[in-house]
Amino acid sequence: MSTDNTTDTNTTMNDAVTDDWAQALEEQAATVNVDQDGAPVFDSAASPVTTGGGGGGGAAASGPMQDIQMVLDIPVQLSVELGRTRVPIKYILQLAQGSIVELDALAGEPMDVLINGYLIAQGEVVVVNDKFGIRLTDIVTPSERMRRVSRT
């Protein structure tokens, strides 16, 4: 009988967490178009690009949209970087529980959002029901991304 109470409590807690994240996503939806999963919807993905071949429709009209659908499920590594530092190996070997590592970022500075190691945005940390998230405050433009890639 206590198992049922534990299951009910866990379900209630999970529902509360889901509701809090849903509320945060609704706030986001007020400024950005999102789909039912909370993912941003971009105009270029919403309307297929067609070539000027007349009214034939057919495979040419579904080609670009089908190509986009193929890449939407490719997993990528999304990470948020608080800061960086460079230290010698002897310092790393001396680290123990409770050690403090000083980073180059200042408190209150935006965090870098990286996809597969490339900076794509900056944001601020948010906490919803003891879980961390990030609210994007600045998206790096494609031209800026290309400039950064060419520097490395």
C-alpha atoms as a PDB file:
ATOM      1  CA  MET A   1       0.000   0.000   0.000  1.00  0.00           C
ATOM      2  CA  SER A   2       2.896   2.357   0.659  1.00  0.00           C
ATOM      3  CA  THR A   3       4.078   1.661  -2.902  1.00  0.00           C
ATOM      4  CA  ASP A   4       0.890   3.223  -4.270  1.00  0.00           C
ATOM      5  CA  ASN A   5       1.421   6.338  -2.137  1.00  0.00           C
ATOM      6  CA  THR A   6       5.032   6.626  -3.307  1.00  0.00           C
ATOM      7  CA  THR A   7       3.975   6.234  -6.937  1.00  0.00           C
ATOM      8  CA  ASP A   8       1.234   8.851  -6.488  1.00  0.00           C
ATOM      9  CA  THR A   9       3.691  11.253  -4.829  1.00  0.00           C
ATOM     10  CA  ASN A  10       6.261  10.785  -7.610  1.00  0.00           C
ATOM     11  CA  THR A  11       3.592  11.286 -10.268  1.00  0.00           C
ATOM     12  CA  THR A  12       2.392  14.465  -8.553  1.00  0.00           C
ATOM     13  CA  MET A  13       5.952  15.814  -8.266  1.00  0.00           C
ATOM     14  CA  ASN A  14       6.676  14.995 -11.933  1.00  0.00           C
ATOM     15  CA  ASP A  15       3.440  16.719 -12.965  1.00  0.00           C
ATOM     16  CA  ALA A  16       4.438  19.819 -10.982  1.00  0.00           C
ATOM     17  CA  VAL A  17       7.868  19.924 -12.648  1.00  0.00           C
ATOM     18  CA  THR A  18       6.266  19.440 -16.067  1.00  0.00           C
ATOM     19  CA  ASP A  19       3.786  22.244 -15.341  1.00  0.00           C
ATOM     20  CA  ASP A  20       6.602  24.629 -14.328  1.00  0.00           C
ATOM     21  CA  TRP A  21       8.574  23.891 -17.491  1.00  0.00           C
ATOM     22  CA  ALA A  22       5.390  24.211 -19.559  1.00  0.00           C
ATOM     23  CA  GLN A  23       4.833  27.654 -18.045  1.00  0.00           C
ATOM     24  CA  ALA A  24       8.419  28.665 -18.889  1.00  0.00           C
ATOM     25  CA  LEU A  25       7.936  27.424 -22.453  1.00  0.00           C
ATOM     26  CA  GLU A  26       4.670  29.370 -22.760  1.00  0.00           C
ATOM     27  CA  GLU A  27       6.544  32.543 -21.785  1.00  0.00           C
ATOM     28  CA  GLN A  28       9.066  31.714 -24.493  1.00  0.00           C
ATOM     29  CA  ALA A  29       6.285  31.082 -27.003  1.00  0.00           C
ATOM     30  CA  ALA A  30       5.086  34.646 -26.477  1.00  0.00           C
ATOM     31  CA  THR A  31       8.266  35.850 -28.203  1.00  0.00           C
ATOM     32  CA  VAL A  32       9.285  32.847 -30.362  1.00  0.00           C
ATOM     33  CA  ASN A  33       7.132  30.478 -32.407  1.00  0.00           C
ATOM     34  CA  VAL A  34       7.436  26.966 -30.946  1.00  0.00           C
ATOM     35  CA  ASP A  35       5.925  23.595 -31.827  1.00  0.00           C
ATOM     36  CA  GLN A  36       4.023  21.347 -29.406  1.00  0.00           C
ATOM     37  CA  ASP A  37       7.318  19.947 -28.040  1.00  0.00           C
ATOM     38  CA  GLY A  38       8.631  23.423 -27.225  1.00  0.00           C
ATOM     39  CA  ALA A  39      11.191  23.427 -30.066  1.00  0.00           C
ATOM     40  CA  PRO A  40      11.571  26.694 -31.996  1.00  0.00           C
ATOM     41  CA  VAL A  41       9.934  26.779 -35.423  1.00  0.00           C
ATOM     42  CA  PHE A  42      11.805  28.706 -38.071  1.00  0.00           C
ATOM     43  CA  ASP A  43      10.010  30.199 -41.055  1.00  0.00           C
ATOM     44  CA  SER A  44      12.407  28.556 -43.522  1.00  0.00           C
ATOM     45  CA  ALA A  45      11.550  25.103 -42.151  1.00  0.00           C
ATOM     46  CA  ALA A  46       7.826  25.799 -42.002  1.00  0.00           C
ATOM     47  CA  SER A  47       7.413  26.647 -45.674  1.00  0.00           C
ATOM     48  CA  PRO A  48       9.168  24.433 -48.214  1.00  0.00           C
ATOM     49  CA  VAL A  49      11.410  26.122 -50.754  1.00  0.00           C
ATOM     50  CA  THR A  50      10.311  25.433 -54.301  1.00  0.00           C
ATOM     51  CA  THR A  51      12.060  25.960 -57.573  1.00  0.00           C
ATOM     52  CA  GLY A  52      10.379  28.025 -60.250  1.00  0.00           C
ATOM     53  CA  GLY A  53       9.360  25.032 -62.358  1.00  0.00           C
ATOM     54  CA  GLY A  54       5.700  25.944 -62.792  1.00  0.00           C
ATOM     55  CA  GLY A  55       2.694  24.288 -61.216  1.00  0.00           C
ATOM     56  CA  GLY A  56       3.886  20.685 -61.373  1.00  0.00           C
ATOM     57  CA  GLY A  57       4.260  20.228 -57.586  1.00  0.00           C
ATOM     58  CA  GLY A  58       5.296  16.560 -57.375  1.00  0.00           C
ATOM     59  CA  ALA A  59       8.714  15.514 -56.066  1.00  0.00           C
ATOM     60  CA  ALA A  60      10.342  18.937 -56.534  1.00  0.00           C
ATOM     61  CA  ALA A  61       7.977  20.559 -54.030  1.00  0.00           C
ATOM     62  CA  SER A  62       8.500  17.887 -51.361  1.00  0.00           C
ATOM     63  CA  GLY A  63      12.282  17.503 -51.940  1.00  0.00           C
ATOM     64  CA  PRO A  64      13.608  20.385 -49.792  1.00  0.00           C
ATOM     65  CA  MET A  65      11.076  19.700 -47.030  1.00  0.00           C
ATOM     66  CA  GLN A  66      12.022  16.020 -47.045  1.00  0.00           C
ATOM     67  CA  ASP A  67      15.727  17.002 -46.833  1.00  0.00           C
ATOM     68  CA  ILE A  68      15.017  19.155 -43.778  1.00  0.00           C
ATOM     69  CA  GLN A  69      13.080  16.313 -42.148  1.00  0.00           C
ATOM     70  CA  MET A  70      16.103  14.018 -42.581  1.00  0.00           C
ATOM     71  CA  VAL A  71      18.393  16.260 -40.507  1.00  0.00           C
ATOM     72  CA  LEU A  72      15.905  17.141 -37.764  1.00  0.00           C
ATOM     73  CA  ASP A  73      16.556  13.851 -35.921  1.00  0.00           C
ATOM     74  CA  ILE A  74      20.375  14.037 -35.996  1.00  0.00           C
ATOM     75  CA  PRO A  75      21.605  14.251 -32.390  1.00  0.00           C
ATOM     76  CA  VAL A  76      24.003  17.061 -31.480  1.00  0.00           C
ATOM     77  CA  GLN A  77      25.892  17.868 -28.285  1.00  0.00           C
ATOM     78  CA  LEU A  78      24.459  21.015 -26.672  1.00  0.00           C
ATOM     79  CA  SER A  79      26.494  22.384 -23.782  1.00  0.00           C
ATOM     80  CA  VAL A  80      26.490  25.532 -21.684  1.00  0.00           C
ATOM     81  CA  GLU A  81      29.868  26.896 -20.688  1.00  0.00           C
ATOM     82  CA  LEU A  82      30.249  28.843 -17.463  1.00  0.00           C
ATOM     83  CA  GLY A  83      33.840  29.839 -18.185  1.00  0.00           C
ATOM     84  CA  ARG A  84      37.327  28.553 -18.929  1.00  0.00           C
ATOM     85  CA  THR A  85      40.732  28.520 -17.363  1.00  0.00           C
ATOM     86  CA  ARG A  86      44.180  27.213 -18.199  1.00  0.00           C
ATOM     87  CA  VAL A  87      46.097  25.424 -15.453  1.00  0.00           C
ATOM     88  CA  PRO A  88      49.187  23.213 -15.311  1.00  0.00           C
ATOM     89  CA  ILE A  89      48.791  19.468 -14.767  1.00  0.00           C
ATOM     90  CA  LYS A  90      50.391  19.697 -11.314  1.00  0.00           C
ATOM     91  CA  TYR A  91      47.496  21.947 -10.229  1.00  0.00           C
ATOM     92  CA  ILE A  92      44.933  19.424 -11.515  1.00  0.00           C
ATOM     93  CA  LEU A  93      46.640  16.630  -9.590  1.00  0.00           C
ATOM     94  CA  GLN A  94      46.279  18.659  -6.388  1.00  0.00           C
ATOM     95  CA  LEU A  95      42.511  19.127  -6.783  1.00  0.00           C
ATOM     96  CA  ALA A  96      40.372  17.557  -4.089  1.00  0.00           C
ATOM     97  CA  GLN A  97      36.792  17.757  -2.928  1.00  0.00           C
ATOM     98  CA  GLY A  98      36.108  21.346  -1.951  1.00  0.00           C
ATOM     99  CA  SER A  99      38.827  22.808  -4.200  1.00  0.00           C
ATOM    100  CA  ILE A 100      37.893  25.974  -6.073  1.00  0.00           C
ATOM    101  CA  VAL A 101      38.841  26.503  -9.694  1.00  0.00           C
ATOM    102  CA  GLU A 102      38.758  30.131 -10.786  1.00  0.00           C
ATOM    103  CA  LEU A 103      37.223  30.692 -14.230  1.00  0.00           C
ATOM    104  CA  ASP A 104      37.709  33.600 -16.604  1.00  0.00           C
ATOM    105  CA  ALA A 105      33.994  34.529 -16.583  1.00  0.00           C
ATOM    106  CA  LEU A 106      32.576  37.171 -14.264  1.00  0.00           C
ATOM    107  CA  ALA A 107      29.496  36.637 -12.105  1.00  0.00           C
ATOM    108  CA  GLY A 108      26.384  37.772 -13.977  1.00  0.00           C
ATOM    109  CA  GLU A 109      28.025  37.396 -17.394  1.00  0.00           C
ATOM    110  CA  PRO A 110      25.988  35.521 -20.033  1.00  0.00           C
ATOM    111  CA  MET A 111      26.782  31.834 -20.434  1.00  0.00           C
ATOM    112  CA  ASP A 112      27.961  30.505 -23.789  1.00  0.00           C
ATOM    113  CA  VAL A 113      25.690  27.957 -25.491  1.00  0.00           C
ATOM    114  CA  LEU A 114      27.653  25.611 -27.750  1.00  0.00           C
ATOM    115  CA  ILE A 115      26.480  23.002 -30.224  1.00  0.00           C
ATOM    116  CA  ASN A 116      29.173  20.456 -31.058  1.00  0.00           C
ATOM    117  CA  GLY A 117      31.713  22.911 -29.646  1.00  0.00           C
ATOM    118  CA  TYR A 118      30.615  25.909 -31.744  1.00  0.00           C
ATOM    119  CA  LEU A 119      29.155  28.999 -30.082  1.00  0.00           C
ATOM    120  CA  ILE A 120      25.597  29.541 -31.280  1.00  0.00           C
ATOM    121  CA  ALA A 121      24.064  31.676 -28.520  1.00  0.00           C
ATOM    122  CA  GLN A 122      24.436  33.240 -25.103  1.00  0.00           C
ATOM    123  CA  GLY A 123      21.976  33.108 -22.261  1.00  0.00           C
ATOM    124  CA  GLU A 124      21.258  33.351 -18.593  1.00  0.00           C
ATOM    125  CA  VAL A 125      20.746  30.530 -16.133  1.00  0.00           C
ATOM    126  CA  VAL A 126      17.207  29.925 -14.887  1.00  0.00           C
ATOM    127  CA  VAL A 127      16.045  27.529 -12.182  1.00  0.00           C
ATOM    128  CA  VAL A 128      12.642  25.847 -12.294  1.00  0.00           C
ATOM    129  CA  ASN A 129      11.855  23.435  -9.444  1.00  0.00           C
ATOM    130  CA  ASP A 130      15.532  22.891  -8.583  1.00  0.00           C
ATOM    131  CA  LYS A 131      16.446  22.096 -12.201  1.00  0.00           C
ATOM    132  CA  PHE A 132      18.738  24.310 -14.245  1.00  0.00           C
ATOM    133  CA  GLY A 133      17.851  25.657 -17.648  1.00  0.00           C
ATOM    134  CA  ILE A 134      19.069  28.491 -19.828  1.00  0.00           C
ATOM    135  CA  ARG A 135      17.100  31.372 -21.304  1.00  0.00           C
ATOM    136  CA  LEU A 136      18.689  32.447 -24.573  1.00  0.00           C
ATOM    137  CA  THR A 137      19.366  36.168 -24.654  1.00  0.00           C
ATOM    138  CA  ASP A 138      21.478  36.479 -27.814  1.00  0.00           C
ATOM    139  CA  ILE A 139      21.735  34.274 -30.911  1.00  0.00           C
ATOM    140  CA  VAL A 140      24.997  34.378 -32.861  1.00  0.00           C
ATOM    141  CA  THR A 141      24.320  35.330 -36.482  1.00  0.00           C
ATOM    142  CA  PRO A 142      25.445  32.970 -39.245  1.00  0.00           C
ATOM    143  CA  SER A 143      27.998  35.518 -40.484  1.00  0.00           C
ATOM    144  CA  GLU A 144      29.466  35.869 -36.974  1.00  0.00           C
ATOM    145  CA  ARG A 145      29.662  32.064 -36.666  1.00  0.00           C
ATOM    146  CA  MET A 146      31.550  31.856 -39.952  1.00  0.00           C
ATOM    147  CA  ARG A 147      33.935  34.601 -38.813  1.00  0.00           C
ATOM    148  CA  ARG A 148      34.630  32.721 -35.570  1.00  0.00           C
ATOM    149  CA  VAL A 149      35.172  29.412 -37.409  1.00  0.00           C
ATOM    150  CA  SER A 150      37.620  30.990 -39.844  1.00  0.00           C
ATOM    151  CA  ARG A 151      39.648  32.424 -36.895  1.00  0.00           C
ATOM    152  CA  THR A 152      40.287  28.957 -35.403  1.00  0.00           C
END
